[in-house]
């Protein structure tokens, strides 16, 4: 019962956050300097076209009524028409969002696995050359911006070593698999096309690593420090005295509590990958929604900008709910305290 109350509380809070975000996005789009119709249609549009746009979008109605018209369309999946692509924004989102999600999922997998491995190694071999290497690399990874990392990886893997494809989602000459999920790797497996699967997987590795490296290094440091701190606890010394295998102590009794602070930070880093992806997508010519959002901002495409921001906010909220549940599973005190 406590867990259900905790989950319900997190879901209700998520709804409140999304409502607040939608209000902020809508208000900003209406109070920006300049005429909304002119920004949407361009300075070359006729006055008649602008007037029709104002009427169609209820711009003469009170602000509150405008919001309800707008949010009603959003809930139906109608974000309006993009002035950049001259297509419904929902169609653009359906085309570009899966590419970014596939990239972010791969980056999240890399972040979680490597941060735990490096953190455990640094803690296990504390004050050795292994620990020193991990700590130095983590400092470099945290300090170096993702676009610099992406540029260096593109330079080395794309022009110096040329051992792995780095641009786009597929190599030239290969045909994208039939769309089922929008993830080329999964769709290729569904279609039974192993060649396309491996090619799409290889295209993912370098941009995903560039996107994940900053968070990966930060979490590795957190895990390492937490494991060192927890390693000196009395109950672990007692277990060693009773002859419990060191591997079991490390995995079950030292790593699990050490993951609690790292998982919270991982959630924030994974959720922010969507927003951080626009530079990586631009550098690696990745046709994702982050790059689409950047081009929409440069083109003052208000409908597309609002859609991208809402999607990013929704994903951020969902990831944080998942992280809260994971942390509650690792530490029941959080779950029980949150359910009161």
C-alpha atoms as a PDB file:
ATOM      1  CA  UNK A   1       0.000   0.000   0.000  1.00  0.00           C
ATOM      2  CA  UNK A   2       2.822   2.384   0.833  1.00  0.00           C
ATOM      3  CA  UNK A   3       4.436   1.780  -2.544  1.00  0.00           C
ATOM      4  CA  UNK A   4       1.139   2.502  -4.324  1.00  0.00           C
ATOM      5  CA  UNK A   5       0.746   5.754  -2.435  1.00  0.00           C
ATOM      6  CA  UNK A   6       4.331   6.699  -3.237  1.00  0.00           C
ATOM      7  CA  UNK A   7       3.797   5.969  -6.944  1.00  0.00           C
ATOM      8  CA  UNK A   8       0.506   7.885  -7.012  1.00  0.00           C
ATOM      9  CA  UNK A   9       2.170  10.863  -5.362  1.00  0.00           C
ATOM     10  CA  UNK A  10       4.938  10.899  -7.979  1.00  0.00           C
ATOM     11  CA  UNK A  11       2.425  10.632 -10.841  1.00  0.00           C
ATOM     12  CA  UNK A  12       0.295  13.475  -9.506  1.00  0.00           C
ATOM     13  CA  UNK A  13       3.380  15.630  -9.089  1.00  0.00           C
ATOM     14  CA  UNK A  14       4.359  14.818 -12.683  1.00  0.00           C
ATOM     15  CA  UNK A  15       0.950  15.973 -13.936  1.00  0.00           C
ATOM     16  CA  UNK A  16       1.309  19.253 -12.027  1.00  0.00           C
ATOM     17  CA  UNK A  17       4.790  19.786 -13.478  1.00  0.00           C
ATOM     18  CA  UNK A  18       3.589  19.175 -17.042  1.00  0.00           C
ATOM     19  CA  UNK A  19       0.654  21.562 -16.607  1.00  0.00           C
ATOM     20  CA  UNK A  20       3.014  24.216 -15.269  1.00  0.00           C
ATOM     21  CA  UNK A  21       5.448  23.639 -18.141  1.00  0.00           C
ATOM     22  CA  UNK A  22       2.685  23.915 -20.733  1.00  0.00           C
ATOM     23  CA  UNK A  23       1.515  27.213 -19.218  1.00  0.00           C
ATOM     24  CA  UNK A  24       5.047  28.638 -19.230  1.00  0.00           C
ATOM     25  CA  UNK A  25       5.642  27.608 -22.850  1.00  0.00           C
ATOM     26  CA  UNK A  26       2.299  29.017 -23.989  1.00  0.00           C
ATOM     27  CA  UNK A  27       2.695  32.336 -22.166  1.00  0.00           C
ATOM     28  CA  UNK A  28       6.232  32.863 -23.456  1.00  0.00           C
ATOM     29  CA  UNK A  29       5.096  32.167 -27.028  1.00  0.00           C
ATOM     30  CA  UNK A  30       2.373  34.819 -26.652  1.00  0.00           C
ATOM     31  CA  UNK A  31       4.303  37.581 -24.885  1.00  0.00           C
ATOM     32  CA  UNK A  32       7.401  37.428 -27.069  1.00  0.00           C
ATOM     33  CA  UNK A  33       8.154  40.756 -28.790  1.00  0.00           C
ATOM     34  CA  UNK A  34       6.611  41.011 -32.220  1.00  0.00           C
ATOM     35  CA  UNK A  35       3.460  39.755 -33.877  1.00  0.00           C
ATOM     36  CA  UNK A  36       2.762  36.031 -33.451  1.00  0.00           C
ATOM     37  CA  UNK A  37       1.258  35.754 -36.937  1.00  0.00           C
ATOM     38  CA  UNK A  38       4.264  37.460 -38.534  1.00  0.00           C
ATOM     39  CA  UNK A  39       6.714  35.191 -36.686  1.00  0.00           C
ATOM     40  CA  UNK A  40       4.705  32.141 -37.693  1.00  0.00           C
ATOM     41  CA  UNK A  41       4.161  33.031 -41.361  1.00  0.00           C
ATOM     42  CA  UNK A  42       7.194  35.190 -42.053  1.00  0.00           C
ATOM     43  CA  UNK A  43       7.558  38.859 -42.918  1.00  0.00           C
ATOM     44  CA  UNK A  44       6.660  38.230 -46.563  1.00  0.00           C
ATOM     45  CA  UNK A  45       3.161  36.914 -45.746  1.00  0.00           C
ATOM     46  CA  UNK A  46       0.207  39.033 -46.814  1.00  0.00           C
ATOM     47  CA  UNK A  47      -1.975  40.839 -44.305  1.00  0.00           C
ATOM     48  CA  UNK A  48      -4.872  38.625 -45.320  1.00  0.00           C
ATOM     49  CA  UNK A  49      -2.867  35.486 -44.534  1.00  0.00           C
ATOM     50  CA  UNK A  50      -1.822  36.930 -41.174  1.00  0.00           C
ATOM     51  CA  UNK A  51      -5.414  37.822 -40.325  1.00  0.00           C
ATOM     52  CA  UNK A  52      -6.596  34.331 -41.225  1.00  0.00           C
ATOM     53  CA  UNK A  53      -3.866  32.900 -39.000  1.00  0.00           C
ATOM     54  CA  UNK A  54      -4.968  35.082 -36.074  1.00  0.00           C
ATOM     55  CA  UNK A  55      -8.569  33.978 -36.462  1.00  0.00           C
ATOM     56  CA  UNK A  56      -7.709  30.292 -36.898  1.00  0.00           C
ATOM     57  CA  UNK A  57      -5.514  30.332 -33.789  1.00  0.00           C
ATOM     58  CA  UNK A  58      -7.982  32.355 -31.674  1.00  0.00           C
ATOM     59  CA  UNK A  59      -5.469  35.163 -31.124  1.00  0.00           C
ATOM     60  CA  UNK A  60      -8.282  37.679 -30.554  1.00  0.00           C
ATOM     61  CA  UNK A  61      -9.699  35.640 -27.661  1.00  0.00           C
ATOM     62  CA  UNK A  62      -8.650  36.154 -24.013  1.00  0.00           C
ATOM     63  CA  UNK A  63      -5.313  34.563 -23.083  1.00  0.00           C
ATOM     64  CA  UNK A  64      -6.907  31.922 -20.858  1.00  0.00           C
ATOM     65  CA  UNK A  65      -9.277  30.818 -23.615  1.00  0.00           C
ATOM     66  CA  UNK A  66      -6.374  30.727 -26.083  1.00  0.00           C
ATOM     67  CA  UNK A  67      -4.506  28.398 -23.721  1.00  0.00           C
ATOM     68  CA  UNK A  68      -7.422  25.982 -23.500  1.00  0.00           C
ATOM     69  CA  UNK A  69      -7.756  25.902 -27.286  1.00  0.00           C
ATOM     70  CA  UNK A  70      -4.020  25.270 -27.595  1.00  0.00           C
ATOM     71  CA  UNK A  71      -3.714  22.623 -24.880  1.00  0.00           C
ATOM     72  CA  UNK A  72      -6.805  20.868 -26.239  1.00  0.00           C
ATOM     73  CA  UNK A  73      -5.068  20.533 -29.598  1.00  0.00           C
ATOM     74  CA  UNK A  74      -1.890  19.329 -27.921  1.00  0.00           C
ATOM     75  CA  UNK A  75      -3.759  16.604 -26.044  1.00  0.00           C
ATOM     76  CA  UNK A  76      -5.191  15.465 -29.381  1.00  0.00           C
ATOM     77  CA  UNK A  77      -1.686  15.382 -30.864  1.00  0.00           C
ATOM     78  CA  UNK A  78      -2.217  18.560 -32.879  1.00  0.00           C
ATOM     79  CA  UNK A  79       0.735  20.922 -32.415  1.00  0.00           C
ATOM     80  CA  UNK A  80      -0.122  22.992 -35.470  1.00  0.00           C
ATOM     81  CA  UNK A  81       1.855  23.359 -38.680  1.00  0.00           C
ATOM     82  CA  UNK A  82       5.596  23.894 -38.823  1.00  0.00           C
ATOM     83  CA  UNK A  83       6.607  26.977 -40.795  1.00  0.00           C
ATOM     84  CA  UNK A  84      10.041  25.433 -41.382  1.00  0.00           C
ATOM     85  CA  UNK A  85       8.890  22.202 -43.042  1.00  0.00           C
ATOM     86  CA  UNK A  86       5.317  23.244 -43.972  1.00  0.00           C
ATOM     87  CA  UNK A  87       4.054  19.987 -42.458  1.00  0.00           C
ATOM     88  CA  UNK A  88       2.090  19.187 -39.304  1.00  0.00           C
ATOM     89  CA  UNK A  89       4.466  19.336 -36.348  1.00  0.00           C
ATOM     90  CA  UNK A  90       3.158  15.957 -35.175  1.00  0.00           C
ATOM     91  CA  UNK A  91       4.395  14.421 -38.443  1.00  0.00           C
ATOM     92  CA  UNK A  92       7.850  15.959 -37.930  1.00  0.00           C
ATOM     93  CA  UNK A  93       7.948  14.680 -34.344  1.00  0.00           C
ATOM     94  CA  UNK A  94       6.997  11.178 -35.470  1.00  0.00           C
ATOM     95  CA  UNK A  95       9.844  11.253 -38.000  1.00  0.00           C
ATOM     96  CA  UNK A  96      12.630  12.758 -35.891  1.00  0.00           C
ATOM     97  CA  UNK A  97      11.875  11.657 -32.306  1.00  0.00           C
ATOM     98  CA  UNK A  98      12.739   7.931 -32.705  1.00  0.00           C
ATOM     99  CA  UNK A  99      16.242   8.774 -33.957  1.00  0.00           C
ATOM    100  CA  UNK A 100      16.998  10.844 -30.861  1.00  0.00           C
ATOM    101  CA  UNK A 101      15.414   8.295 -28.531  1.00  0.00           C
ATOM    102  CA  UNK A 102      17.549   5.535 -30.039  1.00  0.00           C
ATOM    103  CA  UNK A 103      20.671   7.661 -29.560  1.00  0.00           C
ATOM    104  CA  UNK A 104      19.719   8.597 -25.992  1.00  0.00           C
ATOM    105  CA  UNK A 105      18.906   4.990 -25.036  1.00  0.00           C
ATOM    106  CA  UNK A 106      22.299   3.836 -26.301  1.00  0.00           C
ATOM    107  CA  UNK A 107      24.006   6.719 -24.482  1.00  0.00           C
ATOM    108  CA  UNK A 108      22.134   5.827 -21.285  1.00  0.00           C
ATOM    109  CA  UNK A 109      23.215   2.181 -21.537  1.00  0.00           C
ATOM    110  CA  UNK A 110      26.835   3.236 -22.028  1.00  0.00           C
ATOM    111  CA  UNK A 111      26.589   5.727 -19.146  1.00  0.00           C
ATOM    112  CA  UNK A 112      25.130   3.238 -16.664  1.00  0.00           C
ATOM    113  CA  UNK A 113      27.364   0.264 -17.493  1.00  0.00           C
ATOM    114  CA  UNK A 114      30.694   2.068 -17.794  1.00  0.00           C
ATOM    115  CA  UNK A 115      30.124   4.353 -14.801  1.00  0.00           C
ATOM    116  CA  UNK A 116      29.432   1.363 -12.528  1.00  0.00           C
ATOM    117  CA  UNK A 117      32.357  -0.634 -13.920  1.00  0.00           C
ATOM    118  CA  UNK A 118      34.825   2.250 -13.626  1.00  0.00           C
ATOM    119  CA  UNK A 119      33.542   3.284 -10.189  1.00  0.00           C
ATOM    120  CA  UNK A 120      33.814  -0.261  -8.828  1.00  0.00           C
ATOM    121  CA  UNK A 121      37.299  -0.751 -10.296  1.00  0.00           C
ATOM    122  CA  UNK A 122      38.537   2.555  -8.860  1.00  0.00           C
ATOM    123  CA  UNK A 123      37.142   1.691  -5.417  1.00  0.00           C
ATOM    124  CA  UNK A 124      38.367  -1.918  -5.452  1.00  0.00           C
ATOM    125  CA  UNK A 125      41.894  -0.873  -6.445  1.00  0.00           C
ATOM    126  CA  UNK A 126      41.934   2.280  -4.349  1.00  0.00           C
ATOM    127  CA  UNK A 127      45.172   4.302  -4.363  1.00  0.00           C
ATOM    128  CA  UNK A 128      46.649   2.211  -7.189  1.00  0.00           C
ATOM    129  CA  UNK A 129      47.419   3.058 -10.812  1.00  0.00           C
ATOM    130  CA  UNK A 130      43.923   1.862 -11.794  1.00  0.00           C
ATOM    131  CA  UNK A 131      42.309   4.304  -9.376  1.00  0.00           C
ATOM    132  CA  UNK A 132      44.566   7.122 -10.567  1.00  0.00           C
ATOM    133  CA  UNK A 133      43.751   6.499 -14.248  1.00  0.00           C
ATOM    134  CA  UNK A 134      39.995   6.393 -13.614  1.00  0.00           C
ATOM    135  CA  UNK A 135      40.106   9.587 -11.557  1.00  0.00           C
ATOM    136  CA  UNK A 136      42.168  11.491 -14.122  1.00  0.00           C
ATOM    137  CA  UNK A 137      39.928  10.367 -16.976  1.00  0.00           C
ATOM    138  CA  UNK A 138      36.842  11.302 -14.975  1.00  0.00           C
ATOM    139  CA  UNK A 139      38.151  14.817 -14.345  1.00  0.00           C
ATOM    140  CA  UNK A 140      38.893  15.249 -18.047  1.00  0.00           C
ATOM    141  CA  UNK A 141      35.491  13.909 -19.067  1.00  0.00           C
ATOM    142  CA  UNK A 142      33.612  16.181 -16.662  1.00  0.00           C
ATOM    143  CA  UNK A 143      35.588  19.279 -17.608  1.00  0.00           C
ATOM    144  CA  UNK A 144      35.410  18.807 -21.380  1.00  0.00           C
ATOM    145  CA  UNK A 145      32.142  19.917 -23.088  1.00  0.00           C
ATOM    146  CA  UNK A 146      30.251  17.289 -25.089  1.00  0.00           C
ATOM    147  CA  UNK A 147      30.643  19.161 -28.378  1.00  0.00           C
ATOM    148  CA  UNK A 148      34.443  19.172 -27.959  1.00  0.00           C
ATOM    149  CA  UNK A 149      34.401  15.437 -27.237  1.00  0.00           C
ATOM    150  CA  UNK A 150      32.122  14.890 -30.239  1.00  0.00           C
ATOM    151  CA  UNK A 151      34.416  16.892 -32.532  1.00  0.00           C
ATOM    152  CA  UNK A 152      37.510  14.989 -31.389  1.00  0.00           C
ATOM    153  CA  UNK A 153      35.790  11.620 -31.827  1.00  0.00           C
ATOM    154  CA  UNK A 154      34.596  12.647 -35.280  1.00  0.00           C
ATOM    155  CA  UNK A 155      38.132  13.692 -36.187  1.00  0.00           C
ATOM    156  CA  UNK A 156      39.773  10.483 -35.001  1.00  0.00           C
ATOM    157  CA  UNK A 157      37.179   7.909 -36.009  1.00  0.00           C
ATOM    158  CA  UNK A 158      35.983   9.674 -39.140  1.00  0.00           C
ATOM    159  CA  UNK A 159      39.243  10.939 -40.630  1.00  0.00           C
ATOM    160  CA  UNK A 160      42.273   9.425 -38.878  1.00  0.00           C
ATOM    161  CA  UNK A 161      41.450   5.819 -38.000  1.00  0.00           C
ATOM    162  CA  UNK A 162      38.300   5.267 -40.117  1.00  0.00           C
ATOM    163  CA  UNK A 163      37.507   2.037 -38.290  1.00  0.00           C
ATOM    164  CA  UNK A 164      33.860   2.804 -37.524  1.00  0.00           C
ATOM    165  CA  UNK A 165      31.167   4.832 -39.327  1.00  0.00           C
ATOM    166  CA  UNK A 166      30.351   8.095 -37.599  1.00  0.00           C
ATOM    167  CA  UNK A 167      27.979  10.162 -39.781  1.00  0.00           C
ATOM    168  CA  UNK A 168      24.251   9.630 -40.098  1.00  0.00           C
ATOM    169  CA  UNK A 169      22.247   6.567 -39.086  1.00  0.00           C
ATOM    170  CA  UNK A 170      23.195   4.253 -41.978  1.00  0.00           C
ATOM    171  CA  UNK A 171      26.013   3.996 -44.493  1.00  0.00           C
ATOM    172  CA  UNK A 172      25.426   5.119 -48.064  1.00  0.00           C
ATOM    173  CA  UNK A 173      23.783   2.429 -50.178  1.00  0.00           C
ATOM    174  CA  UNK A 174      21.875   0.771 -47.331  1.00  0.00           C
ATOM    175  CA  UNK A 175      18.108   1.099 -47.118  1.00  0.00           C
ATOM    176  CA  UNK A 176      16.402   1.906 -43.827  1.00  0.00           C
ATOM    177  CA  UNK A 177      14.252  -0.962 -42.500  1.00  0.00           C
ATOM    178  CA  UNK A 178      10.479  -0.744 -42.536  1.00  0.00           C
ATOM    179  CA  UNK A 179       9.364   1.491 -39.675  1.00  0.00           C
ATOM    180  CA  UNK A 180       7.914  -0.364 -36.709  1.00  0.00           C
ATOM    181  CA  UNK A 181       9.480   1.305 -33.690  1.00  0.00           C
ATOM    182  CA  UNK A 182      11.547   3.956 -35.473  1.00  0.00           C
ATOM    183  CA  UNK A 183      14.728   2.458 -33.956  1.00  0.00           C
ATOM    184  CA  UNK A 184      16.820   1.250 -36.901  1.00  0.00           C
ATOM    185  CA  UNK A 185      18.505  -1.444 -34.811  1.00  0.00           C
ATOM    186  CA  UNK A 186      15.244  -2.935 -33.553  1.00  0.00           C
ATOM    187  CA  UNK A 187      13.434  -2.540 -36.878  1.00  0.00           C
ATOM    188  CA  UNK A 188      16.319  -4.239 -38.688  1.00  0.00           C
ATOM    189  CA  UNK A 189      16.130  -7.187 -36.283  1.00  0.00           C
ATOM    190  CA  UNK A 190      12.384  -7.420 -36.792  1.00  0.00           C
ATOM    191  CA  UNK A 191      12.948  -7.453 -40.553  1.00  0.00           C
ATOM    192  CA  UNK A 192      15.727 -10.033 -40.160  1.00  0.00           C
ATOM    193  CA  UNK A 193      18.295  -7.756 -41.828  1.00  0.00           C
ATOM    194  CA  UNK A 194      21.454  -8.433 -39.814  1.00  0.00           C
ATOM    195  CA  UNK A 195      23.651  -6.293 -42.096  1.00  0.00           C
ATOM    196  CA  UNK A 196      21.537  -3.192 -41.525  1.00  0.00           C
ATOM    197  CA  UNK A 197      21.360  -3.958 -37.794  1.00  0.00           C
ATOM    198  CA  UNK A 198      25.139  -4.053 -37.353  1.00  0.00           C
ATOM    199  CA  UNK A 199      25.606  -0.973 -39.535  1.00  0.00           C
ATOM    200  CA  UNK A 200      23.006   0.991 -37.570  1.00  0.00           C
ATOM    201  CA  UNK A 201      24.515  -0.231 -34.279  1.00  0.00           C
ATOM    202  CA  UNK A 202      28.010   0.887 -35.307  1.00  0.00           C
ATOM    203  CA  UNK A 203      26.678   4.309 -36.321  1.00  0.00           C
ATOM    204  CA  UNK A 204      25.233   4.671 -32.821  1.00  0.00           C
ATOM    205  CA  UNK A 205      28.387   3.962 -30.837  1.00  0.00           C
ATOM    206  CA  UNK A 206      30.519   7.065 -31.362  1.00  0.00           C
ATOM    207  CA  UNK A 207      27.795   9.751 -31.030  1.00  0.00           C
ATOM    208  CA  UNK A 208      26.252   7.903 -28.070  1.00  0.00           C
ATOM    209  CA  UNK A 209      29.634   7.704 -26.330  1.00  0.00           C
ATOM    210  CA  UNK A 210      30.227  11.419 -26.977  1.00  0.00           C
ATOM    211  CA  UNK A 211      26.817  12.204 -25.489  1.00  0.00           C
ATOM    212  CA  UNK A 212      27.296   9.962 -22.440  1.00  0.00           C
ATOM    213  CA  UNK A 213      30.913  10.709 -21.526  1.00  0.00           C
ATOM    214  CA  UNK A 214      30.350  13.738 -19.280  1.00  0.00           C
ATOM    215  CA  UNK A 215      27.704  12.047 -17.139  1.00  0.00           C
ATOM    216  CA  UNK A 216      29.586   8.753 -17.204  1.00  0.00           C
ATOM    217  CA  UNK A 217      32.690  10.305 -15.671  1.00  0.00           C
ATOM    218  CA  UNK A 218      30.705  12.133 -13.011  1.00  0.00           C
ATOM    219  CA  UNK A 219      28.810   9.017 -11.939  1.00  0.00           C
ATOM    220  CA  UNK A 220      32.005   6.955 -11.864  1.00  0.00           C
ATOM    221  CA  UNK A 221      33.481   9.434  -9.378  1.00  0.00           C
ATOM    222  CA  UNK A 222      30.344   9.362  -7.229  1.00  0.00           C
ATOM    223  CA  UNK A 223      30.221   5.555  -7.172  1.00  0.00           C
ATOM    224  CA  UNK A 224      33.912   5.324  -6.389  1.00  0.00           C
ATOM    225  CA  UNK A 225      33.656   7.767  -3.465  1.00  0.00           C
ATOM    226  CA  UNK A 226      30.493   6.125  -2.114  1.00  0.00           C
ATOM    227  CA  UNK A 227      32.029   2.662  -2.262  1.00  0.00           C
ATOM    228  CA  UNK A 228      35.175   3.848  -0.498  1.00  0.00           C
ATOM    229  CA  UNK A 229      33.060   5.440   2.230  1.00  0.00           C
ATOM    230  CA  UNK A 230      30.783   2.417   2.630  1.00  0.00           C
ATOM    231  CA  UNK A 231      33.742   0.025   2.499  1.00  0.00           C
ATOM    232  CA  UNK A 232      34.883   1.170   5.921  1.00  0.00           C
ATOM    233  CA  UNK A 233      31.535   0.446   7.623  1.00  0.00           C
ATOM    234  CA  UNK A 234      31.594  -1.894  10.625  1.00  0.00           C
ATOM    235  CA  UNK A 235      29.031  -4.343   9.245  1.00  0.00           C
ATOM    236  CA  UNK A 236      31.285  -5.079   6.243  1.00  0.00           C
ATOM    237  CA  UNK A 237      34.211  -5.744   8.571  1.00  0.00           C
ATOM    238  CA  UNK A 238      31.999  -8.120  10.547  1.00  0.00           C
ATOM    239  CA  UNK A 239      31.040  -9.978   7.362  1.00  0.00           C
ATOM    240  CA  UNK A 240      34.659 -10.370   6.402  1.00  0.00           C
ATOM    241  CA  UNK A 241      35.341 -11.684   9.901  1.00  0.00           C
ATOM    242  CA  UNK A 242      32.620 -14.308   9.443  1.00  0.00           C
ATOM    243  CA  UNK A 243      34.217 -15.389   6.164  1.00  0.00           C
ATOM    244  CA  UNK A 244      31.650 -14.022   3.715  1.00  0.00           C
ATOM    245  CA  UNK A 245      33.264 -14.037   0.238  1.00  0.00           C
ATOM    246  CA  UNK A 246      34.682 -10.676  -0.769  1.00  0.00           C
ATOM    247  CA  UNK A 247      32.889 -10.765  -4.111  1.00  0.00           C
ATOM    248  CA  UNK A 248      29.501 -11.180  -2.419  1.00  0.00           C
ATOM    249  CA  UNK A 249      30.265  -8.364   0.021  1.00  0.00           C
ATOM    250  CA  UNK A 250      31.270  -6.097  -2.856  1.00  0.00           C
ATOM    251  CA  UNK A 251      28.214  -6.808  -5.026  1.00  0.00           C
ATOM    252  CA  UNK A 252      25.436  -7.161  -2.477  1.00  0.00           C
ATOM    253  CA  UNK A 253      26.370  -5.138   0.585  1.00  0.00           C
ATOM    254  CA  UNK A 254      28.778  -2.454  -0.623  1.00  0.00           C
ATOM    255  CA  UNK A 255      27.670  -1.649  -4.175  1.00  0.00           C
ATOM    256  CA  UNK A 256      23.906  -1.511  -3.573  1.00  0.00           C
ATOM    257  CA  UNK A 257      23.891   1.326  -0.991  1.00  0.00           C
ATOM    258  CA  UNK A 258      26.650   3.059  -2.925  1.00  0.00           C
ATOM    259  CA  UNK A 259      24.399   3.269  -5.986  1.00  0.00           C
ATOM    260  CA  UNK A 260      21.722   5.368  -4.248  1.00  0.00           C
ATOM    261  CA  UNK A 261      23.398   8.800  -4.692  1.00  0.00           C
ATOM    262  CA  UNK A 262      24.697   7.805  -8.140  1.00  0.00           C
ATOM    263  CA  UNK A 263      21.277   6.693  -9.421  1.00  0.00           C
ATOM    264  CA  UNK A 264      19.755  10.072  -8.551  1.00  0.00           C
ATOM    265  CA  UNK A 265      22.475  11.849 -10.527  1.00  0.00           C
ATOM    266  CA  UNK A 266      22.189   9.303 -13.344  1.00  0.00           C
ATOM    267  CA  UNK A 267      18.520  10.135 -13.675  1.00  0.00           C
ATOM    268  CA  UNK A 268      19.239  13.821 -14.080  1.00  0.00           C
ATOM    269  CA  UNK A 269      22.026  13.136 -16.569  1.00  0.00           C
ATOM    270  CA  UNK A 270      19.964  10.674 -18.621  1.00  0.00           C
ATOM    271  CA  UNK A 271      16.991  13.038 -18.689  1.00  0.00           C
ATOM    272  CA  UNK A 272      19.229  15.897 -19.826  1.00  0.00           C
ATOM    273  CA  UNK A 273      20.658  13.828 -22.677  1.00  0.00           C
ATOM    274  CA  UNK A 274      17.703  14.852 -24.856  1.00  0.00           C
ATOM    275  CA  UNK A 275      18.522  18.533 -24.467  1.00  0.00           C
ATOM    276  CA  UNK A 276      22.265  17.990 -24.778  1.00  0.00           C
ATOM    277  CA  UNK A 277      21.892  15.955 -27.961  1.00  0.00           C
ATOM    278  CA  UNK A 278      21.426  18.874 -30.346  1.00  0.00           C
ATOM    279  CA  UNK A 279      25.153  19.624 -30.672  1.00  0.00           C
ATOM    280  CA  UNK A 280      26.063  15.948 -30.993  1.00  0.00           C
ATOM    281  CA  UNK A 281      23.328  15.444 -33.594  1.00  0.00           C
ATOM    282  CA  UNK A 282      24.548  18.435 -35.553  1.00  0.00           C
ATOM    283  CA  UNK A 283      28.179  17.295 -35.501  1.00  0.00           C
ATOM    284  CA  UNK A 284      27.388  13.694 -36.463  1.00  0.00           C
ATOM    285  CA  UNK A 285      24.626  14.621 -38.946  1.00  0.00           C
ATOM    286  CA  UNK A 286      22.095  12.691 -36.867  1.00  0.00           C
ATOM    287  CA  UNK A 287      18.507  13.368 -38.021  1.00  0.00           C
ATOM    288  CA  UNK A 288      16.959  13.666 -34.582  1.00  0.00           C
ATOM    289  CA  UNK A 289      14.433  15.881 -32.870  1.00  0.00           C
ATOM    290  CA  UNK A 290      17.085  17.832 -30.949  1.00  0.00           C
ATOM    291  CA  UNK A 291      18.578  19.094 -34.216  1.00  0.00           C
ATOM    292  CA  UNK A 292      15.047  19.725 -35.483  1.00  0.00           C
ATOM    293  CA  UNK A 293      14.364  21.796 -32.365  1.00  0.00           C
ATOM    294  CA  UNK A 294      17.546  23.819 -32.894  1.00  0.00           C
ATOM    295  CA  UNK A 295      16.637  24.615 -36.501  1.00  0.00           C
ATOM    296  CA  UNK A 296      13.114  25.532 -35.336  1.00  0.00           C
ATOM    297  CA  UNK A 297      14.538  28.001 -32.832  1.00  0.00           C
ATOM    298  CA  UNK A 298      16.738  29.586 -35.476  1.00  0.00           C
ATOM    299  CA  UNK A 299      13.719  29.836 -37.790  1.00  0.00           C
ATOM    300  CA  UNK A 300      11.372  31.139 -35.027  1.00  0.00           C
ATOM    301  CA  UNK A 301       9.007  28.220 -35.644  1.00  0.00           C
ATOM    302  CA  UNK A 302       6.835  28.638 -32.543  1.00  0.00           C
ATOM    303  CA  UNK A 303       4.665  25.547 -33.011  1.00  0.00           C
ATOM    304  CA  UNK A 304       7.674  23.276 -33.458  1.00  0.00           C
ATOM    305  CA  UNK A 305       9.530  24.878 -30.538  1.00  0.00           C
ATOM    306  CA  UNK A 306       6.545  24.377 -28.218  1.00  0.00           C
ATOM    307  CA  UNK A 307       6.206  20.730 -29.274  1.00  0.00           C
ATOM    308  CA  UNK A 308       9.900  19.980 -28.754  1.00  0.00           C
ATOM    309  CA  UNK A 309       9.966  21.633 -25.332  1.00  0.00           C
ATOM    310  CA  UNK A 310       6.861  19.759 -24.198  1.00  0.00           C
ATOM    311  CA  UNK A 311       8.300  16.441 -25.368  1.00  0.00           C
ATOM    312  CA  UNK A 312      11.605  17.116 -23.636  1.00  0.00           C
ATOM    313  CA  UNK A 313       9.750  18.065 -20.456  1.00  0.00           C
ATOM    314  CA  UNK A 314       7.606  14.919 -20.593  1.00  0.00           C
ATOM    315  CA  UNK A 315      10.641  12.678 -21.079  1.00  0.00           C
ATOM    316  CA  UNK A 316      12.448  14.447 -18.238  1.00  0.00           C
ATOM    317  CA  UNK A 317       9.473  13.849 -15.933  1.00  0.00           C
ATOM    318  CA  UNK A 318       9.123  10.178 -16.945  1.00  0.00           C
ATOM    319  CA  UNK A 319      12.827   9.494 -16.390  1.00  0.00           C
ATOM    320  CA  UNK A 320      12.718  11.135 -12.974  1.00  0.00           C
ATOM    321  CA  UNK A 321       9.718   9.011 -11.954  1.00  0.00           C
ATOM    322  CA  UNK A 322      11.592   5.876 -13.000  1.00  0.00           C
ATOM    323  CA  UNK A 323      14.671   7.006 -11.070  1.00  0.00           C
ATOM    324  CA  UNK A 324      12.590   7.765  -7.976  1.00  0.00           C
ATOM    325  CA  UNK A 325      11.152   4.256  -8.115  1.00  0.00           C
ATOM    326  CA  UNK A 326      14.605   2.698  -8.530  1.00  0.00           C
ATOM    327  CA  UNK A 327      15.978   4.685  -5.594  1.00  0.00           C
ATOM    328  CA  UNK A 328      12.941   3.708  -3.518  1.00  0.00           C
ATOM    329  CA  UNK A 329      13.632   0.073  -4.383  1.00  0.00           C
ATOM    330  CA  UNK A 330      17.259   0.410  -3.308  1.00  0.00           C
ATOM    331  CA  UNK A 331      16.378   2.259  -0.093  1.00  0.00           C
ATOM    332  CA  UNK A 332      12.928   1.418   1.367  1.00  0.00           C
ATOM    333  CA  UNK A 333      13.281   4.301   3.839  1.00  0.00           C
ATOM    334  CA  UNK A 334      12.761   6.739   0.965  1.00  0.00           C
ATOM    335  CA  UNK A 335       9.676   4.897  -0.251  1.00  0.00           C
ATOM    336  CA  UNK A 336       8.124   4.678   3.210  1.00  0.00           C
ATOM    337  CA  UNK A 337       8.943   8.273   4.013  1.00  0.00           C
ATOM    338  CA  UNK A 338       7.498   9.499   0.725  1.00  0.00           C
ATOM    339  CA  UNK A 339       4.264   7.624   1.275  1.00  0.00           C
ATOM    340  CA  UNK A 340       3.299   9.440   4.438  1.00  0.00           C
END
